[in-house]
C-alpha cells in the first residue's frame, strides 16, 4: 500500500513539476528507504531506483558520494545516514548535495 502511494505521489510530482527532477528523485529515494520493504538492502535498492527515475526523466545518474562503499562503517556512510535523518525532518538539502557528490 505504501509503495503504491509513493508511486502515485511521484507521478503527480512529475506531472505537476512540484519540485526539480533531482528533488523528486531524492524524495522518492528517501521515502523508499523509510518504507523499508526488505530485510536488507533497502538503501542500495532505493539508490538504484532513484538513479533509474532520474535517468528516465532526462537527468544524469546520481554519484552518491562518488560511488564509495556505503555498506561499511565509514565516514561517507555516516554522511549519508546523517543526510537521511535530516530528510526525516523535512530538510532534503544535504541528501540532494550528497547524491550529487
PDB file of N, CA and C in Angstrom:
ATOM      1  N   UNK A   1       0.818  -1.186   0.000  1.00  0.00           N
ATOM      2  CA  UNK A   1       0.000   0.000   0.000  1.00  0.00           C
ATOM      3  C   UNK A   1       0.875   1.268   0.000  1.00  0.00           C
ATOM      4  N   UNK A   2       1.891   1.276   0.864  1.00  0.00           N
ATOM      5  CA  UNK A   2       2.783   2.443   0.956  1.00  0.00           C
ATOM      6  C   UNK A   2       3.571   2.651  -0.340  1.00  0.00           C
ATOM      7  N   UNK A   3       3.978   1.559  -0.972  1.00  0.00           N
ATOM      8  CA  UNK A   3       4.698   1.678  -2.244  1.00  0.00           C
ATOM      9  C   UNK A   3       3.793   2.262  -3.315  1.00  0.00           C
ATOM     10  N   UNK A   4       2.554   1.845  -3.345  1.00  0.00           N
ATOM     11  CA  UNK A   4       1.592   2.383  -4.324  1.00  0.00           C
ATOM     12  C   UNK A   4       1.384   3.878  -4.094  1.00  0.00           C
ATOM     13  N   UNK A   5       1.232   4.287  -2.836  1.00  0.00           N
ATOM     14  CA  UNK A   5       1.071   5.704  -2.505  1.00  0.00           C
ATOM     15  C   UNK A   5       2.299   6.499  -2.954  1.00  0.00           C
ATOM     16  N   UNK A   6       3.474   5.944  -2.703  1.00  0.00           N
ATOM     17  CA  UNK A   6       4.712   6.603  -3.103  1.00  0.00           C
ATOM     18  C   UNK A   6       4.756   6.789  -4.619  1.00  0.00           C
ATOM     19  N   UNK A   7       4.460   5.750  -5.360  1.00  0.00           N
ATOM     20  CA  UNK A   7       4.493   5.842  -6.824  1.00  0.00           C
ATOM     21  C   UNK A   7       3.459   6.839  -7.337  1.00  0.00           C
ATOM     22  N   UNK A   8       2.278   6.843  -6.747  1.00  0.00           N
ATOM     23  CA  UNK A   8       1.256   7.814  -7.138  1.00  0.00           C
ATOM     24  C   UNK A   8       1.709   9.239  -6.847  1.00  0.00           C
ATOM     25  N   UNK A   9       2.332   9.447  -5.691  1.00  0.00           N
ATOM     26  CA  UNK A   9       2.832  10.781  -5.331  1.00  0.00           C
ATOM     27  C   UNK A   9       3.904  11.241  -6.304  1.00  0.00           C
ATOM     28  N   UNK A  10       4.821  10.352  -6.649  1.00  0.00           N
ATOM     29  CA  UNK A  10       5.908  10.706  -7.568  1.00  0.00           C
ATOM     30  C   UNK A  10       5.345  11.017  -8.954  1.00  0.00           C
ATOM     31  N   UNK A  11       4.390  10.247  -9.398  1.00  0.00           N
ATOM     32  CA  UNK A  11       3.757  10.509 -10.691  1.00  0.00           C
ATOM     33  C   UNK A  11       3.143  11.918 -10.696  1.00  0.00           C
ATOM     34  N   UNK A  12       2.435  12.265  -9.639  1.00  0.00           N
ATOM     35  CA  UNK A  12       1.830  13.593  -9.512  1.00  0.00           C
ATOM     36  C   UNK A  12       2.913  14.677  -9.520  1.00  0.00           C
ATOM     37  N   UNK A  13       3.975  14.477  -8.738  1.00  0.00           N
ATOM     38  CA  UNK A  13       5.055  15.463  -8.658  1.00  0.00           C
ATOM     39  C   UNK A  13       5.702  15.686 -10.015  1.00  0.00           C
ATOM     40  N   UNK A  14       5.901  14.616 -10.766  1.00  0.00           N
ATOM     41  CA  UNK A  14       6.497  14.750 -12.100  1.00  0.00           C
ATOM     42  C   UNK A  14       5.549  15.465 -13.058  1.00  0.00           C
ATOM     43  N   UNK A  15       4.276  15.081 -13.039  1.00  0.00           N
ATOM     44  CA  UNK A  15       3.305  15.694 -13.943  1.00  0.00           C
ATOM     45  C   UNK A  15       3.108  17.178 -13.656  1.00  0.00           C
ATOM     46  N   UNK A  16       3.186  17.561 -12.382  1.00  0.00           N
ATOM     47  CA  UNK A  16       2.934  18.947 -11.994  1.00  0.00           C
ATOM     48  C   UNK A  16       4.205  19.727 -11.673  1.00  0.00           C
ATOM     49  N   UNK A  17       5.344  19.086 -11.893  1.00  0.00           N
ATOM     50  CA  UNK A  17       6.653  19.720 -11.655  1.00  0.00           C
ATOM     51  C   UNK A  17       6.691  20.394 -10.289  1.00  0.00           C
ATOM     52  N   UNK A  18       6.269  19.640  -9.282  1.00  0.00           N
ATOM     53  CA  UNK A  18       6.194  20.141  -7.911  1.00  0.00           C
ATOM     54  C   UNK A  18       7.563  20.556  -7.388  1.00  0.00           C
ATOM     55  N   UNK A  19       8.580  19.806  -7.728  1.00  0.00           N
ATOM     56  CA  UNK A  19       9.966  20.068  -7.340  1.00  0.00           C
ATOM     57  C   UNK A  19      10.832  19.868  -8.579  1.00  0.00           C
ATOM     58  N   UNK A  20      12.124  20.154  -8.447  1.00  0.00           N
ATOM     59  CA  UNK A  20      13.048  19.836  -9.537  1.00  0.00           C
ATOM     60  C   UNK A  20      13.082  18.321  -9.711  1.00  0.00           C
ATOM     61  N   UNK A  21      13.533  17.863 -10.858  1.00  0.00           N
ATOM     62  CA  UNK A  21      13.613  16.421 -11.106  1.00  0.00           C
ATOM     63  C   UNK A  21      14.548  15.746 -10.106  1.00  0.00           C
ATOM     64  N   UNK A  22      15.670  16.394  -9.793  1.00  0.00           N
ATOM     65  CA  UNK A  22      16.578  15.837  -8.793  1.00  0.00           C
ATOM     66  C   UNK A  22      15.869  15.679  -7.452  1.00  0.00           C
ATOM     67  N   UNK A  23      15.140  16.704  -7.041  1.00  0.00           N
ATOM     68  CA  UNK A  23      14.494  16.639  -5.727  1.00  0.00           C
ATOM     69  C   UNK A  23      13.382  15.595  -5.696  1.00  0.00           C
ATOM     70  N   UNK A  24      12.664  15.450  -6.784  1.00  0.00           N
ATOM     71  CA  UNK A  24      11.641  14.405  -6.832  1.00  0.00           C
ATOM     72  C   UNK A  24      12.284  13.031  -6.661  1.00  0.00           C
ATOM     73  N   UNK A  25      13.385  12.799  -7.356  1.00  0.00           N
ATOM     74  CA  UNK A  25      14.070  11.503  -7.253  1.00  0.00           C
ATOM     75  C   UNK A  25      14.640  11.295  -5.855  1.00  0.00           C
ATOM     76  N   UNK A  26      15.153  12.338  -5.232  1.00  0.00           N
ATOM     77  CA  UNK A  26      15.726  12.225  -3.890  1.00  0.00           C
ATOM     78  C   UNK A  26      14.633  12.006  -2.851  1.00  0.00           C
ATOM     79  N   UNK A  27      13.534  12.711  -2.994  1.00  0.00           N
ATOM     80  CA  UNK A  27      12.405  12.488  -2.087  1.00  0.00           C
ATOM     81  C   UNK A  27      11.873  11.063  -2.255  1.00  0.00           C
ATOM     82  N   UNK A  28      11.825  10.579  -3.485  1.00  0.00           N
ATOM     83  CA  UNK A  28      11.421   9.201  -3.756  1.00  0.00           C
ATOM     84  C   UNK A  28      12.362   8.236  -3.041  1.00  0.00           C
ATOM     85  N   UNK A  29      13.659   8.457  -3.203  1.00  0.00           N
ATOM     86  CA  UNK A  29      14.671   7.629  -2.553  1.00  0.00           C
ATOM     87  C   UNK A  29      14.447   7.600  -1.041  1.00  0.00           C
ATOM     88  N   UNK A  30      14.287   8.763  -0.454  1.00  0.00           N
ATOM     89  CA  UNK A  30      14.123   8.865   0.993  1.00  0.00           C
ATOM     90  C   UNK A  30      12.903   8.083   1.475  1.00  0.00           C
ATOM     91  N   UNK A  31      11.778   8.256   0.818  1.00  0.00           N
ATOM     92  CA  UNK A  31      10.564   7.544   1.232  1.00  0.00           C
ATOM     93  C   UNK A  31      10.685   6.043   1.016  1.00  0.00           C
ATOM     94  N   UNK A  32      11.364   5.650  -0.044  1.00  0.00           N
ATOM     95  CA  UNK A  32      11.550   4.223  -0.302  1.00  0.00           C
ATOM     96  C   UNK A  32      12.414   3.592   0.785  1.00  0.00           C
ATOM     97  N   UNK A  33      13.456   4.286   1.214  1.00  0.00           N
ATOM     98  CA  UNK A  33      14.272   3.798   2.326  1.00  0.00           C
ATOM     99  C   UNK A  33      13.415   3.722   3.586  1.00  0.00           C
ATOM    100  N   UNK A  34      12.608   4.742   3.826  1.00  0.00           N
ATOM    101  CA  UNK A  34      11.771   4.794   5.021  1.00  0.00           C
ATOM    102  C   UNK A  34      10.739   3.659   5.042  1.00  0.00           C
ATOM    103  N   UNK A  35      10.159   3.342   3.899  1.00  0.00           N
ATOM    104  CA  UNK A  35       9.180   2.250   3.818  1.00  0.00           C
ATOM    105  C   UNK A  35       9.831   0.929   4.218  1.00  0.00           C
ATOM    106  N   UNK A  36      11.092   0.765   3.861  1.00  0.00           N
ATOM    107  CA  UNK A  36      11.886  -0.392   4.299  1.00  0.00           C
ATOM    108  C   UNK A  36      11.214  -1.707   3.901  1.00  0.00           C
ATOM    109  N   UNK A  37      11.069  -1.888   2.615  1.00  0.00           N
ATOM    110  CA  UNK A  37      10.341  -3.042   2.081  1.00  0.00           C
ATOM    111  C   UNK A  37      11.073  -4.378   2.251  1.00  0.00           C
ATOM    112  N   UNK A  38      12.378  -4.336   2.474  1.00  0.00           N
ATOM    113  CA  UNK A  38      13.180  -5.559   2.543  1.00  0.00           C
ATOM    114  C   UNK A  38      13.889  -5.656   3.885  1.00  0.00           C
ATOM    115  N   UNK A  39      14.279  -6.848   4.254  1.00  0.00           N
ATOM    116  CA  UNK A  39      15.033  -7.053   5.494  1.00  0.00           C
ATOM    117  C   UNK A  39      16.435  -6.448   5.381  1.00  0.00           C
ATOM    118  N   UNK A  40      16.981  -6.434   4.172  1.00  0.00           N
ATOM    119  CA  UNK A  40      18.336  -5.933   3.952  1.00  0.00           C
ATOM    120  C   UNK A  40      18.404  -5.341   2.539  1.00  0.00           C
ATOM    121  N   UNK A  41      19.259  -4.373   2.346  1.00  0.00           N
ATOM    122  CA  UNK A  41      19.481  -3.822   1.012  1.00  0.00           C
ATOM    123  C   UNK A  41      18.540  -2.697   0.622  1.00  0.00           C
ATOM    124  N   UNK A  42      17.836  -2.115   1.564  1.00  0.00           N
ATOM    125  CA  UNK A  42      16.885  -1.055   1.237  1.00  0.00           C
ATOM    126  C   UNK A  42      17.555   0.191   0.666  1.00  0.00           C
ATOM    127  N   UNK A  43      18.692   0.574   1.227  1.00  0.00           N
ATOM    128  CA  UNK A  43      19.408   1.739   0.709  1.00  0.00           C
ATOM    129  C   UNK A  43      19.919   1.511  -0.703  1.00  0.00           C
ATOM    130  N   UNK A  44      20.511   0.348  -0.943  1.00  0.00           N
ATOM    131  CA  UNK A  44      21.010   0.031  -2.289  1.00  0.00           C
ATOM    132  C   UNK A  44      19.863   0.017  -3.294  1.00  0.00           C
ATOM    133  N   UNK A  45      18.769  -0.602  -2.908  1.00  0.00           N
ATOM    134  CA  UNK A  45      17.600  -0.658  -3.789  1.00  0.00           C
ATOM    135  C   UNK A  45      17.079   0.747  -4.074  1.00  0.00           C
ATOM    136  N   UNK A  46      16.945   1.565  -3.040  1.00  0.00           N
ATOM    137  CA  UNK A  46      16.416   2.917  -3.203  1.00  0.00           C
ATOM    138  C   UNK A  46      17.345   3.780  -4.059  1.00  0.00           C
ATOM    139  N   UNK A  47      18.659   3.622  -3.900  1.00  0.00           N
ATOM    140  CA  UNK A  47      19.594   4.397  -4.731  1.00  0.00           C
ATOM    141  C   UNK A  47      19.495   3.970  -6.188  1.00  0.00           C
ATOM    142  N   UNK A  48      19.404   2.665  -6.432  1.00  0.00           N
ATOM    143  CA  UNK A  48      19.271   2.168  -7.794  1.00  0.00           C
ATOM    144  C   UNK A  48      17.997   2.695  -8.449  1.00  0.00           C
ATOM    145  N   UNK A  49      16.884   2.617  -7.753  1.00  0.00           N
ATOM    146  CA  UNK A  49      15.614   3.049  -8.319  1.00  0.00           C
ATOM    147  C   UNK A  49      15.595   4.567  -8.516  1.00  0.00           C
ATOM    148  N   UNK A  50      16.203   5.321  -7.600  1.00  0.00           N
ATOM    149  CA  UNK A  50      16.295   6.775  -7.782  1.00  0.00           C
ATOM    150  C   UNK A  50      17.143   7.098  -9.010  1.00  0.00           C
ATOM    151  N   UNK A  51      18.215   6.353  -9.226  1.00  0.00           N
ATOM    152  CA  UNK A  51      19.036   6.535 -10.427  1.00  0.00           C
ATOM    153  C   UNK A  51      18.214   6.264 -11.691  1.00  0.00           C
ATOM    154  N   UNK A  52      17.464   5.198 -11.680  1.00  0.00           N
ATOM    155  CA  UNK A  52      16.627   4.874 -12.838  1.00  0.00           C
ATOM    156  C   UNK A  52      15.610   5.976 -13.082  1.00  0.00           C
ATOM    157  N   UNK A  53      14.987   6.457 -12.011  1.00  0.00           N
ATOM    158  CA  UNK A  53      13.994   7.523 -12.143  1.00  0.00           C
ATOM    159  C   UNK A  53      14.601   8.785 -12.748  1.00  0.00           C
ATOM    160  N   UNK A  54      15.731   9.227 -12.242  1.00  0.00           N
ATOM    161  CA  UNK A  54      16.320  10.479 -12.740  1.00  0.00           C
ATOM    162  C   UNK A  54      16.785  10.320 -14.187  1.00  0.00           C
ATOM    163  N   UNK A  55      17.339   9.179 -14.542  1.00  0.00           N
ATOM    164  CA  UNK A  55      17.777   8.954 -15.921  1.00  0.00           C
ATOM    165  C   UNK A  55      16.572   8.930 -16.863  1.00  0.00           C
ATOM    166  N   UNK A  56      15.489   8.303 -16.438  1.00  0.00           N
ATOM    167  CA  UNK A  56      14.282   8.249 -17.283  1.00  0.00           C
ATOM    168  C   UNK A  56      13.652   9.627 -17.452  1.00  0.00           C
ATOM    169  N   UNK A  57      13.989  10.564 -16.556  1.00  0.00           N
ATOM    170  CA  UNK A  57      13.480  11.930 -16.672  1.00  0.00           C
ATOM    171  C   UNK A  57      14.464  12.841 -17.425  1.00  0.00           C
ATOM    172  N   UNK A  58      15.511  12.244 -17.982  1.00  0.00           N
ATOM    173  CA  UNK A  58      16.471  13.003 -18.776  1.00  0.00           C
ATOM    174  C   UNK A  58      17.657  13.524 -17.995  1.00  0.00           C
ATOM    175  N   UNK A  59      17.757  13.180 -16.714  1.00  0.00           N
ATOM    176  CA  UNK A  59      18.880  13.623 -15.897  1.00  0.00           C
ATOM    177  C   UNK A  59      20.006  12.612 -15.918  1.00  0.00           C
ATOM    178  N   UNK A  60      21.058  12.947 -15.201  1.00  0.00           N
ATOM    179  CA  UNK A  60      22.188  12.022 -15.108  1.00  0.00           C
ATOM    180  C   UNK A  60      22.118  11.264 -13.781  1.00  0.00           C
ATOM    181  N   UNK A  61      22.679  10.070 -13.800  1.00  0.00           N
ATOM    182  CA  UNK A  61      22.704   9.205 -12.630  1.00  0.00           C
ATOM    183  C   UNK A  61      23.373   9.931 -11.458  1.00  0.00           C
ATOM    184  N   UNK A  62      22.879   9.689 -10.263  1.00  0.00           N
ATOM    185  CA  UNK A  62      23.490  10.263  -9.064  1.00  0.00           C
ATOM    186  C   UNK A  62      24.820   9.566  -8.777  1.00  0.00           C
ATOM    187  N   UNK A  63      25.713  10.262  -8.087  1.00  0.00           N
ATOM    188  CA  UNK A  63      27.017   9.679  -7.758  1.00  0.00           C
ATOM    189  C   UNK A  63      27.076   9.141  -6.326  1.00  0.00           C
ATOM    190  N   UNK A  64      26.143   9.545  -5.482  1.00  0.00           N
ATOM    191  CA  UNK A  64      26.028   9.005  -4.120  1.00  0.00           C
ATOM    192  C   UNK A  64      27.367   8.970  -3.401  1.00  0.00           C
ATOM    193  N   UNK A  65      28.002  10.113  -3.218  1.00  0.00           N
ATOM    194  CA  UNK A  65      29.275  10.158  -2.504  1.00  0.00           C
ATOM    195  C   UNK A  65      30.416   9.602  -3.313  1.00  0.00           C
ATOM    196  N   UNK A  66      30.362   9.828  -4.610  1.00  0.00           N
ATOM    197  CA  UNK A  66      31.373   9.377  -5.563  1.00  0.00           C
ATOM    198  C   UNK A  66      31.454   7.857  -5.608  1.00  0.00           C
ATOM    199  N   UNK A  67      30.293   7.225  -5.481  1.00  0.00           N
ATOM    200  CA  UNK A  67      30.173   5.774  -5.597  1.00  0.00           C
ATOM    201  C   UNK A  67      31.069   5.012  -4.626  1.00  0.00           C
ATOM    202  N   UNK A  68      31.298   5.598  -3.465  1.00  0.00           N
ATOM    203  CA  UNK A  68      32.072   4.890  -2.442  1.00  0.00           C
ATOM    204  C   UNK A  68      31.180   3.853  -1.755  1.00  0.00           C
ATOM    205  N   UNK A  69      31.807   2.938  -1.049  1.00  0.00           N
ATOM    206  CA  UNK A  69      31.078   1.885  -0.340  1.00  0.00           C
ATOM    207  C   UNK A  69      30.268   2.496   0.798  1.00  0.00           C
ATOM    208  N   UNK A  70      28.953   2.335   0.722  1.00  0.00           N
ATOM    209  CA  UNK A  70      28.075   2.863   1.760  1.00  0.00           C
ATOM    210  C   UNK A  70      27.605   1.774   2.720  1.00  0.00           C
ATOM    211  N   UNK A  71      28.166   0.587   2.612  1.00  0.00           N
ATOM    212  CA  UNK A  71      27.704  -0.512   3.454  1.00  0.00           C
ATOM    213  C   UNK A  71      28.520  -0.662   4.728  1.00  0.00           C
ATOM    214  N   UNK A  72      29.761  -0.212   4.732  1.00  0.00           N
ATOM    215  CA  UNK A  72      30.609  -0.343   5.913  1.00  0.00           C
ATOM    216  C   UNK A  72      30.480   0.855   6.835  1.00  0.00           C
ATOM    217  N   UNK A  73      31.105   0.763   7.995  1.00  0.00           N
ATOM    218  CA  UNK A  73      31.089   1.855   8.968  1.00  0.00           C
ATOM    219  C   UNK A  73      32.159   2.877   8.589  1.00  0.00           C
ATOM    220  N   UNK A  74      31.861   3.682   7.573  1.00  0.00           N
ATOM    221  CA  UNK A  74      32.812   4.668   7.070  1.00  0.00           C
ATOM    222  C   UNK A  74      32.263   6.081   7.269  1.00  0.00           C
ATOM    223  N   UNK A  75      33.133   7.050   7.105  1.00  0.00           N
ATOM    224  CA  UNK A  75      32.712   8.450   7.210  1.00  0.00           C
ATOM    225  C   UNK A  75      31.689   8.791   6.136  1.00  0.00           C
ATOM    226  N   UNK A  76      31.847   8.265   4.942  1.00  0.00           N
ATOM    227  CA  UNK A  76      30.916   8.565   3.851  1.00  0.00           C
ATOM    228  C   UNK A  76      29.531   8.002   4.169  1.00  0.00           C
ATOM    229  N   UNK A  77      29.467   6.818   4.774  1.00  0.00           N
ATOM    230  CA  UNK A  77      28.172   6.253   5.187  1.00  0.00           C
ATOM    231  C   UNK A  77      27.539   7.109   6.273  1.00  0.00           C
ATOM    232  N   UNK A  78      28.351   7.612   7.201  1.00  0.00           N
ATOM    233  CA  UNK A  78      27.832   8.494   8.249  1.00  0.00           C
ATOM    234  C   UNK A  78      27.209   9.739   7.626  1.00  0.00           C
ATOM    235  N   UNK A  79      27.865  10.317   6.623  1.00  0.00           N
ATOM    236  CA  UNK A  79      27.316  11.492   5.943  1.00  0.00           C
ATOM    237  C   UNK A  79      25.977  11.157   5.289  1.00  0.00           C
ATOM    238  N   UNK A  80      25.902   9.990   4.672  1.00  0.00           N
ATOM    239  CA  UNK A  80      24.677   9.540   4.022  1.00  0.00           C
ATOM    240  C   UNK A  80      23.546   9.365   5.044  1.00  0.00           C
ATOM    241  N   UNK A  81      23.841   8.675   6.148  1.00  0.00           N
ATOM    242  CA  UNK A  81      22.834   8.444   7.197  1.00  0.00           C
ATOM    243  C   UNK A  81      22.405   9.772   7.818  1.00  0.00           C
ATOM    244  N   UNK A  82      23.359  10.668   8.054  1.00  0.00           N
ATOM    245  CA  UNK A  82      23.011  11.984   8.608  1.00  0.00           C
ATOM    246  C   UNK A  82      22.090  12.750   7.655  1.00  0.00           C
ATOM    247  N   UNK A  83      22.362  12.646   6.358  1.00  0.00           N
ATOM    248  CA  UNK A  83      21.513  13.320   5.360  1.00  0.00           C
ATOM    249  C   UNK A  83      20.116  12.709   5.341  1.00  0.00           C
ATOM    250  N   UNK A  84      20.025  11.386   5.487  1.00  0.00           N
ATOM    251  CA  UNK A  84      18.719  10.726   5.553  1.00  0.00           C
ATOM    252  C   UNK A  84      17.947  11.169   6.800  1.00  0.00           C
ATOM    253  N   UNK A  85      18.637  11.267   7.929  1.00  0.00           N
ATOM    254  CA  UNK A  85      17.984  11.688   9.169  1.00  0.00           C
ATOM    255  C   UNK A  85      17.478  13.126   9.070  1.00  0.00           C
ATOM    256  N   UNK A  86      18.239  13.972   8.409  1.00  0.00           N
ATOM    257  CA  UNK A  86      17.790  15.349   8.201  1.00  0.00           C
ATOM    258  C   UNK A  86      16.555  15.361   7.297  1.00  0.00           C
ATOM    259  N   UNK A  87      16.551  14.509   6.294  1.00  0.00           N
ATOM    260  CA  UNK A  87      15.381  14.394   5.412  1.00  0.00           C
ATOM    261  C   UNK A  87      14.171  13.873   6.184  1.00  0.00           C
ATOM    262  N   UNK A  88      14.396  13.047   7.192  1.00  0.00           N
ATOM    263  CA  UNK A  88      13.297  12.591   8.049  1.00  0.00           C
ATOM    264  C   UNK A  88      12.566  13.780   8.673  1.00  0.00           C
ATOM    265  N   UNK A  89      13.293  14.869   8.857  1.00  0.00           N
ATOM    266  CA  UNK A  89      12.712  16.081   9.454  1.00  0.00           C
ATOM    267  C   UNK A  89      12.267  17.078   8.392  1.00  0.00           C
ATOM    268  N   UNK A  90      12.299  16.666   7.117  1.00  0.00           N
ATOM    269  CA  UNK A  90      11.785  17.504   6.044  1.00  0.00           C
ATOM    270  C   UNK A  90      12.807  18.359   5.327  1.00  0.00           C
ATOM    271  N   UNK A  91      14.080  18.236   5.702  1.00  0.00           N
ATOM    272  CA  UNK A  91      15.140  19.016   5.058  1.00  0.00           C
ATOM    273  C   UNK A  91      15.939  18.087   4.145  1.00  0.00           C
ATOM    274  N   UNK A  92      15.748  18.256   2.841  1.00  0.00           N
ATOM    275  CA  UNK A  92      16.384  17.379   1.854  1.00  0.00           C
ATOM    276  C   UNK A  92      17.695  17.955   1.316  1.00  0.00           C
ATOM    277  N   UNK A  93      18.117  19.101   1.809  1.00  0.00           N
ATOM    278  CA  UNK A  93      19.268  19.800   1.230  1.00  0.00           C
ATOM    279  C   UNK A  93      20.543  18.953   1.261  1.00  0.00           C
ATOM    280  N   UNK A  94      20.867  18.354   2.377  1.00  0.00           N
ATOM    281  CA  UNK A  94      22.105  17.560   2.467  1.00  0.00           C
ATOM    282  C   UNK A  94      22.013  16.280   1.643  1.00  0.00           C
ATOM    283  N   UNK A  95      20.841  15.690   1.565  1.00  0.00           N
ATOM    284  CA  UNK A  95      20.683  14.480   0.764  1.00  0.00           C
ATOM    285  C   UNK A  95      20.820  14.804  -0.729  1.00  0.00           C
ATOM    286  N   UNK A  96      20.300  15.947  -1.135  1.00  0.00           N
ATOM    287  CA  UNK A  96      20.477  16.395  -2.523  1.00  0.00           C
ATOM    288  C   UNK A  96      21.949  16.614  -2.855  1.00  0.00           C
ATOM    289  N   UNK A  97      22.653  17.261  -1.929  1.00  0.00           N
ATOM    290  CA  UNK A  97      24.085  17.505  -2.132  1.00  0.00           C
ATOM    291  C   UNK A  97      24.851  16.189  -2.150  1.00  0.00           C
ATOM    292  N   UNK A  98      24.548  15.312  -1.180  1.00  0.00           N
ATOM    293  CA  UNK A  98      25.244  14.030  -1.105  1.00  0.00           C
ATOM    294  C   UNK A  98      25.034  13.208  -2.382  1.00  0.00           C
ATOM    295  N   UNK A  99      23.830  13.199  -2.890  1.00  0.00           N
ATOM    296  CA  UNK A  99      23.530  12.400  -4.076  1.00  0.00           C
ATOM    297  C   UNK A  99      24.332  12.844  -5.293  1.00  0.00           C
ATOM    298  N   UNK A 100      24.700  14.107  -5.334  1.00  0.00           N
ATOM    299  CA  UNK A 100      25.479  14.644  -6.461  1.00  0.00           C
ATOM    300  C   UNK A 100      26.954  14.835  -6.113  1.00  0.00           C
ATOM    301  N   UNK A 101      27.389  14.330  -4.947  1.00  0.00           N
ATOM    302  CA  UNK A 101      28.797  14.499  -4.552  1.00  0.00           C
ATOM    303  C   UNK A 101      29.635  13.326  -5.014  1.00  0.00           C
TER     304      UNK A 101
END
